[in-house]
N, C-alpha and C. Protein backbone atom coordinates (compact mmCIF):
# COMPACT_ATOMS: atom_id res chain seq x y z
N MET A 1 -50.13 15.96 1.80
CA MET A 1 -48.75 15.91 2.09
C MET A 1 -48.70 14.55 2.59
N LEU A 2 -48.56 13.64 1.97
CA LEU A 2 -47.91 12.04 2.97
C LEU A 2 -46.23 12.73 3.50
N ARG A 3 -46.33 12.01 5.35
CA ARG A 3 -45.47 12.12 5.96
C ARG A 3 -45.00 10.92 6.75
N ARG A 4 -43.53 10.38 6.33
CA ARG A 4 -43.42 9.20 6.18
C ARG A 4 -42.79 9.43 8.33
N ARG A 5 -42.57 8.34 8.57
CA ARG A 5 -41.82 8.14 10.41
C ARG A 5 -40.78 7.85 9.75
N GLY A 6 -40.10 8.76 10.82
CA GLY A 6 -38.63 9.62 10.91
C GLY A 6 -38.04 10.50 9.93
N THR A 7 -39.08 10.71 8.93
CA THR A 7 -38.29 12.05 7.96
C THR A 7 -38.58 13.12 8.39
N ARG A 8 -38.50 14.12 7.67
CA ARG A 8 -39.55 15.68 7.63
C ARG A 8 -40.16 15.38 6.38
N ALA A 9 -40.96 16.60 6.67
CA ALA A 9 -41.87 16.92 5.29
C ALA A 9 -40.41 16.66 4.13
N ARG A 10 -40.96 16.44 2.90
CA ARG A 10 -39.93 16.18 1.94
C ARG A 10 -39.58 15.17 1.76
N GLY A 11 -39.67 14.06 2.56
CA GLY A 11 -38.50 13.54 2.39
C GLY A 11 -37.11 14.01 3.14
N HIS A 12 -36.88 14.79 4.07
CA HIS A 12 -35.58 14.92 4.85
C HIS A 12 -35.02 13.84 5.05
N PRO A 13 -33.80 13.54 5.43
CA PRO A 13 -33.88 11.81 6.92
C PRO A 13 -33.70 12.62 8.14
N SER A 14 -33.70 12.49 9.70
CA SER A 14 -34.35 12.74 9.86
C SER A 14 -32.53 12.81 10.65
N PRO A 15 -31.97 13.77 12.37
CA PRO A 15 -31.17 13.99 12.25
C PRO A 15 -30.43 12.13 12.87
N LYS A 16 -30.65 11.84 13.18
CA LYS A 16 -30.14 10.65 14.12
C LYS A 16 -29.85 10.01 12.56
N HIS A 17 -30.03 9.44 11.20
CA HIS A 17 -30.35 8.98 9.95
C HIS A 17 -29.10 9.27 9.56
N LEU A 18 -28.75 10.37 9.67
CA LEU A 18 -28.08 11.49 9.06
C LEU A 18 -26.54 10.77 9.63
N GLU A 19 -26.43 11.05 10.74
CA GLU A 19 -25.57 10.89 12.28
C GLU A 19 -24.83 9.22 11.73
N GLN A 20 -25.92 8.37 11.70
CA GLN A 20 -25.97 6.48 11.06
C GLN A 20 -24.65 7.02 9.74
N GLU A 21 -25.00 7.42 8.33
CA GLU A 21 -24.93 7.73 7.61
C GLU A 21 -23.76 8.28 7.57
N GLU A 22 -23.17 9.36 8.25
CA GLU A 22 -22.01 10.00 8.15
C GLU A 22 -21.68 8.68 9.52
N LYS A 23 -21.17 8.37 10.88
CA LYS A 23 -21.15 7.64 10.74
C LYS A 23 -20.11 6.31 9.84
N GLN A 24 -20.90 5.93 9.13
CA GLN A 24 -20.82 4.59 8.05
C GLN A 24 -19.65 5.21 6.83
N GLU A 25 -20.11 6.52 6.51
CA GLU A 25 -18.82 7.13 5.65
C GLU A 25 -17.89 7.29 5.86
N GLU A 26 -17.61 7.51 7.55
CA GLU A 26 -16.30 7.40 8.25
C GLU A 26 -15.13 6.21 8.57
N LYS A 27 -16.28 5.33 8.54
CA LYS A 27 -15.90 3.87 8.70
C LYS A 27 -15.48 3.47 7.05
N GLN A 28 -16.08 3.63 5.97
CA GLN A 28 -15.17 3.70 4.59
C GLN A 28 -14.31 3.73 4.41
N LYS A 29 -14.21 5.10 5.31
CA LYS A 29 -13.28 6.28 4.79
C LYS A 29 -11.55 5.66 5.27
N GLU A 30 -11.77 4.79 6.15
CA GLU A 30 -10.66 4.12 6.84
C GLU A 30 -10.16 3.09 6.32
N LYS A 31 -11.48 2.75 6.40
CA LYS A 31 -11.16 0.77 5.64
C LYS A 31 -10.03 1.34 4.92
N GLN A 32 -10.42 2.67 3.40
CA GLN A 32 -9.75 2.78 2.27
C GLN A 32 -8.48 3.30 2.58
N GLU A 33 -8.08 3.63 3.63
CA GLU A 33 -7.08 4.30 3.60
C GLU A 33 -5.66 3.52 4.52
N GLU A 34 -6.33 2.48 5.98
CA GLU A 34 -6.45 0.75 5.82
C GLU A 34 -5.18 0.06 4.20
N LYS A 35 -6.82 0.42 2.92
CA LYS A 35 -6.51 -0.76 2.58
C LYS A 35 -5.36 0.53 1.38
N GLN A 36 -5.29 1.22 1.35
CA GLN A 36 -3.89 2.18 0.38
C GLN A 36 -2.53 2.05 1.58
N LYS A 37 -2.84 2.21 2.92
CA LYS A 37 -1.53 1.86 3.17
C LYS A 37 -0.85 0.24 3.22
N GLU A 38 -1.40 -0.08 3.04
CA GLU A 38 -0.95 -1.57 3.09
C GLU A 38 -0.85 -1.74 1.93
N LYS A 39 -1.14 -1.36 0.83
CA LYS A 39 -0.73 -1.62 -0.72
C LYS A 39 1.00 -0.49 -0.79
N GLN A 40 0.44 0.38 0.02
CA GLN A 40 2.13 1.30 -0.19
C GLN A 40 2.90 0.07 0.74
N GLU A 41 2.45 0.56 1.61
CA GLU A 41 3.87 -1.11 2.21
C GLU A 41 4.45 -1.71 1.54
N GLU A 42 3.19 -2.69 0.86
CA GLU A 42 3.51 -3.95 0.14
C GLU A 42 4.48 -3.47 -0.41
N LYS A 43 4.29 -2.45 -1.87
CA LYS A 43 4.97 -2.14 -2.96
C LYS A 43 6.20 -1.32 -2.61
N GLN A 44 6.45 -0.62 -0.92
CA GLN A 44 7.10 -0.15 -0.67
C GLN A 44 8.51 -1.56 -0.80
N GLU A 45 8.00 -3.12 -0.08
CA GLU A 45 8.61 -4.08 0.38
C GLU A 45 8.95 -4.62 -0.66
N GLU A 46 8.26 -4.30 -1.73
CA GLU A 46 8.78 -5.20 -2.96
C GLU A 46 10.31 -4.44 -3.38
N GLN A 47 10.19 -3.45 -3.64
CA GLN A 47 11.19 -2.26 -4.30
C GLN A 47 12.03 -2.65 -3.83
N GLN A 48 12.50 -2.60 -2.42
CA GLN A 48 13.63 -2.66 -1.03
C GLN A 48 13.84 -4.20 -1.44
N GLU A 49 13.07 -5.37 -1.85
CA GLU A 49 13.29 -6.38 -2.38
C GLU A 49 14.35 -6.64 -3.74
N LYS A 50 13.96 -5.68 -4.13
CA LYS A 50 14.46 -5.88 -6.17
C LYS A 50 15.76 -5.08 -5.50
N GLN A 51 16.04 -4.26 -4.67
CA GLN A 51 17.27 -3.75 -4.74
C GLN A 51 17.61 -4.38 -4.14
N ARG A 52 18.07 -5.34 -3.05
CA ARG A 52 18.41 -6.04 -2.19
C ARG A 52 19.19 -6.95 -2.76
N ASP A 53 18.12 -7.58 -4.17
CA ASP A 53 18.20 -8.89 -5.07
C ASP A 53 19.16 -7.94 -6.00
N GLN A 54 19.22 -7.04 -6.31
CA GLN A 54 20.09 -6.40 -6.99
C GLN A 54 21.68 -5.63 -6.83
N GLN A 55 21.31 -5.70 -5.69
CA GLN A 55 22.71 -4.61 -5.34
C GLN A 55 23.45 -6.89 -5.24
N LYS A 56 22.72 -8.03 -4.92
CA LYS A 56 23.35 -9.34 -4.28
C LYS A 56 24.04 -9.71 -5.71
N GLY A 57 22.89 -9.03 -6.91
CA GLY A 57 23.77 -9.71 -8.05
C GLY A 57 24.84 -8.55 -8.43
N GLN A 58 24.95 -7.28 -7.97
CA GLN A 58 26.50 -6.63 -8.41
C GLN A 58 27.94 -7.12 -7.31
N GLN A 59 27.04 -7.68 -6.16
CA GLN A 59 28.14 -7.75 -6.27
C GLN A 59 28.82 -8.85 -6.29
N GLU A 60 27.91 -10.65 -6.38
CA GLU A 60 29.12 -11.67 -6.57
C GLU A 60 29.41 -11.21 -8.41
N LYS A 61 28.51 -10.17 -9.39
CA LYS A 61 29.81 -9.79 -10.38
C LYS A 61 30.98 -9.73 -9.90
N GLN A 62 30.75 -8.45 -9.19
CA GLN A 62 32.68 -8.15 -9.04
C GLN A 62 32.95 -9.50 -8.34
N THR A 63 32.76 -10.25 -7.72
CA THR A 63 33.03 -10.55 -7.09
C THR A 63 34.12 -11.61 -7.89
N ASP A 64 33.02 -12.26 -8.17
CA ASP A 64 33.44 -13.09 -9.73
C ASP A 64 34.49 -12.56 -10.32
N GLN A 65 34.00 -11.65 -11.19
CA GLN A 65 35.15 -10.58 -11.59
C GLN A 65 36.56 -10.29 -11.31
N GLN A 66 36.21 -10.44 -9.46
CA GLN A 66 37.88 -10.16 -9.31
C GLN A 66 38.46 -11.31 -8.62
N LYS A 67 37.54 -12.64 -8.52
CA LYS A 67 38.70 -13.59 -8.49
C LYS A 67 38.66 -13.99 -9.83
N GLY A 68 38.21 -13.83 -11.16
CA GLY A 68 38.94 -14.45 -12.72
C GLY A 68 40.07 -13.27 -12.72
N GLN A 69 40.32 -12.01 -12.40
CA GLN A 69 41.56 -11.18 -12.21
C GLN A 69 42.35 -12.31 -11.88
N GLN A 70 42.23 -12.58 -10.27
CA GLN A 70 43.84 -12.09 -9.94
C GLN A 70 43.93 -14.19 -10.36
N GLU A 71 42.28 -14.92 -10.51
CA GLU A 71 42.91 -16.28 -11.00
C GLU A 71 44.08 -16.50 -12.74
N LYS A 72 43.80 -15.71 -13.09
CA LYS A 72 44.77 -14.91 -14.42
C LYS A 72 46.22 -14.42 -13.92
N GLN A 73 46.03 -13.63 -13.03
CA GLN A 73 47.24 -12.89 -12.07
C GLN A 73 48.08 -13.82 -11.74
N THR A 74 47.11 -15.32 -11.45
CA THR A 74 47.99 -15.97 -10.72
C THR A 74 48.39 -17.15 -12.12
N ASP A 75 47.74 -17.39 -12.68
CA ASP A 75 48.30 -18.04 -13.59
C ASP A 75 49.38 -17.34 -14.78
N GLN A 76 49.61 -15.92 -14.96
CA GLN A 76 50.95 -15.47 -15.16
C GLN A 76 52.17 -15.67 -15.20
C-alpha cells in the first residue's frame, strides 16, 4: 500500500492539515457573516430612507391641503 508524506494510511489528512482547513472554513464563515450583516444594514437604511420620503410626502400633502383650505376660507 502506498503512503504519502503528511498523510496517514488510507489518505487521512494529518492533524496540521485539518487545523488549516478548519481555520480557512472559519475565515470563510466570518466573511459570509460580515457580508450578510452589511446587506441587512443596507436594506434597513434603504427602508428607513423610503419611510422618511413617504413621511415627507405625506406632510407636504397635508400642508398643501391645509394651505388650500385656508385660502378657500380667506376667499369667502
